[in-house]
Amino acid sequence: MASAHDFSFKTIDGAALPMASFKGKAVLLVNTASACGLTPQYSGLQAQWQEFKGKGVVVLGVPCNDFGAQEPGSEKEVKTFCETHFSVDFPLTAKEHVIGAEAHPLYQWIAAQVGDAGVPKWNFHKYVIGKDGALAATFGSMTA
C-alpha cells in the first residue's frame, strides 16, 4: 500500500470510514482510551479539531484497549463517555488494536514506514498524515 489513503476503518457507529475520504486534508491520528491518566488530552484534541477543521485538518480518534485495558467499554460506551465528558465531536473509529499482530493494517503500515520508534507505546500516541496520505510525523503519548 502506497499511502494511508489506501486503508479503511469503521466509525464508532459502524459505518465505513475510508481514509481516502480525507484526501486533501491533514489527519491527526490518535489512539485513545477513556480510563487513562492521559485521557484529559481529549480536551486538547477537541480544541484542535474546533480550531482547524475548517482549515483542512481532521482529528481522528482510534479507541484502543491495548494498553493497561484502559478502554474496556463498548463503542457506544466510549462514544457516550467522549461526548459527555469532553464534548468530543471529532470522528472516532470503532475500537481497534494498534500494536502486535492484530494491529489495524494502517498501524502495521506506519510501523513498516518508521520502525519500532513509531509504534505506540501507550495511549494517545499521535501521527500526522499529510494531505497526500504520507506519514508526516509521529509524537509520543506525552506530547499533548
Protein backbone atom coordinates (compact mmCIF):
# COMPACT_ATOMS: atom_id res chain seq x y z
CA MET A 1 0.00 0.00 0.00
CA ALA A 2 1.34 3.36 -1.03
CA SER A 3 -0.36 5.71 1.42
CA ALA A 4 -2.64 5.99 4.42
CA HIS A 5 -5.45 6.69 1.97
CA ASP A 6 -5.39 3.00 0.98
CA PHE A 7 -6.79 1.92 4.37
CA SER A 8 -10.21 1.97 5.95
CA PHE A 9 -11.73 1.93 9.41
CA LYS A 10 -15.27 1.59 10.67
CA THR A 11 -16.68 4.55 12.56
CA ILE A 12 -17.64 4.17 16.19
CA ASP A 13 -21.22 3.84 14.88
CA GLY A 14 -20.30 1.04 12.46
CA ALA A 15 -20.24 2.91 9.13
CA ALA A 16 -17.39 2.59 6.64
CA LEU A 17 -14.66 5.20 7.10
CA PRO A 18 -12.18 5.06 4.23
CA MET A 19 -9.05 7.09 4.81
CA ALA A 20 -9.37 8.13 1.15
CA SER A 21 -12.24 10.37 2.30
CA PHE A 22 -9.54 12.55 3.89
CA LYS A 23 -7.55 13.14 0.68
CA GLY A 24 -6.50 16.77 0.58
CA LYS A 25 -6.70 17.07 4.38
CA ALA A 26 -4.10 16.53 7.08
CA VAL A 27 -5.08 13.93 9.68
CA LEU A 28 -4.03 13.84 13.33
CA LEU A 29 -4.44 10.14 14.15
CA VAL A 30 -4.55 9.31 17.88
CA ASN A 31 -5.11 6.04 19.73
CA THR A 32 -7.34 6.93 22.66
CA ALA A 33 -8.56 5.46 25.96
CA SER A 34 -11.20 6.58 28.44
CA ALA A 35 -9.61 5.36 31.69
CA CYS A 36 -6.03 6.56 31.26
CA GLY A 37 -4.10 9.24 33.11
CA LEU A 38 -3.74 10.90 29.70
CA THR A 39 -7.49 10.86 28.97
CA PRO A 40 -7.72 14.64 29.64
CA GLN A 41 -5.85 15.03 26.33
CA TYR A 42 -9.30 14.67 24.76
CA SER A 43 -9.83 18.34 25.68
CA GLY A 44 -6.82 19.46 23.66
CA LEU A 45 -7.73 17.21 20.74
CA GLN A 46 -11.24 18.66 20.69
CA ALA A 47 -9.79 22.19 20.79
CA GLN A 48 -7.51 21.35 17.84
CA TRP A 49 -10.48 19.95 15.94
CA GLN A 50 -12.56 23.07 16.63
CA GLU A 51 -9.75 25.38 15.58
CA PHE A 52 -8.55 23.59 12.46
CA LYS A 53 -11.41 21.53 11.00
CA GLY A 54 -12.35 24.40 8.71
CA LYS A 55 -8.75 24.62 7.54
CA GLY A 56 -8.41 21.08 6.22
CA VAL A 57 -7.31 19.24 9.37
CA VAL A 58 -9.07 16.16 10.76
CA VAL A 59 -8.60 14.77 14.25
CA LEU A 60 -9.30 11.03 14.15
CA GLY A 61 -9.54 9.12 17.43
CA VAL A 62 -8.93 5.38 17.48
CA PRO A 63 -10.22 3.89 20.74
CA CYS A 64 -7.87 1.13 21.85
CA ASN A 65 -7.75 -1.31 24.77
CA ASP A 66 -4.16 -2.46 24.12
CA PHE A 67 -2.53 -0.55 26.98
CA GLY A 68 -3.50 -1.33 30.55
CA ALA A 69 -7.03 -2.38 29.48
CA GLN A 70 -7.95 1.31 29.75
CA GLU A 71 -10.67 1.24 27.10
CA PRO A 72 -12.81 -1.73 28.21
CA GLY A 73 -16.22 -0.40 27.18
CA SER A 74 -18.29 -0.93 24.07
CA GLU A 75 -18.23 1.54 21.19
CA LYS A 76 -21.49 3.02 22.48
CA GLU A 77 -19.98 3.48 25.95
CA VAL A 78 -16.83 5.05 24.50
CA LYS A 79 -18.82 7.47 22.35
CA THR A 80 -21.07 8.46 25.27
CA PHE A 81 -18.05 8.98 27.55
CA CYS A 82 -16.26 11.17 24.99
CA GLU A 83 -19.33 13.28 24.25
CA THR A 84 -20.39 13.63 27.90
CA HIS A 85 -17.01 14.35 29.49
CA PHE A 86 -15.12 16.16 26.71
CA SER A 87 -17.79 17.28 24.18
CA VAL A 88 -15.91 15.29 21.53
CA ASP A 89 -17.42 15.62 18.09
CA PHE A 90 -14.36 14.75 16.01
CA PRO A 91 -14.51 11.38 14.23
CA LEU A 92 -13.93 8.25 16.27
CA THR A 93 -13.34 4.80 14.83
CA ALA A 94 -14.55 1.52 16.22
CA LYS A 95 -12.20 0.06 18.82
CA GLU A 96 -9.02 -1.26 17.21
CA HIS A 97 -5.76 -2.90 18.13
CA VAL A 98 -2.78 -0.64 17.39
CA ILE A 99 0.10 -2.96 18.33
CA GLY A 100 1.13 -6.53 17.61
CA ALA A 101 -0.05 -9.00 15.01
CA GLU A 102 -3.68 -7.90 15.45
CA ALA A 103 -2.91 -4.21 14.88
CA HIS A 104 -5.13 -2.42 12.39
CA PRO A 105 -3.47 -2.54 8.95
CA LEU A 106 -2.88 1.24 8.98
CA TYR A 107 -0.87 0.89 12.19
CA GLN A 108 1.06 -2.01 10.66
CA TRP A 109 1.80 0.19 7.62
CA ILE A 110 3.01 3.01 9.88
CA ALA A 111 5.29 0.59 11.76
CA ALA A 112 6.73 -0.55 8.43
CA GLN A 113 7.37 3.10 7.49
CA VAL A 114 9.24 4.18 10.63
CA GLY A 115 10.06 1.03 12.60
CA ASP A 116 9.73 0.46 16.31
CA ALA A 117 10.16 4.16 17.15
CA GLY A 118 6.80 4.83 15.51
CA VAL A 119 4.87 2.04 17.21
CA PRO A 120 2.59 3.30 20.00
CA LYS A 121 3.99 2.58 23.46
CA TRP A 122 0.88 3.82 25.28
CA ASN A 123 -2.47 5.54 24.79
CA PHE A 124 -2.61 8.91 22.99
CA HIS A 125 0.30 8.29 20.59
CA LYS A 126 -0.12 10.71 17.70
CA TYR A 127 0.61 10.62 13.98
CA VAL A 128 0.28 13.35 11.40
CA ILE A 129 -0.74 12.09 7.99
CA GLY A 130 -0.25 14.61 5.23
CA LYS A 131 -2.80 15.71 2.67
CA ASP A 132 -1.22 13.22 0.25
CA GLY A 133 -1.61 10.28 2.65
CA ALA A 134 2.09 10.12 3.56
CA LEU A 135 3.16 9.79 7.17
CA ALA A 136 4.49 13.24 8.07
CA ALA A 137 5.28 12.99 11.81
CA THR A 138 4.87 10.89 14.93
CA PHE A 139 4.57 12.09 18.52
CA GLY A 140 4.68 10.10 21.72
CA SER A 141 1.87 9.99 24.25
CA MET A 142 3.27 12.75 26.44
CA THR A 143 3.02 15.30 23.63
CA ALA A 144 -0.33 16.95 24.26
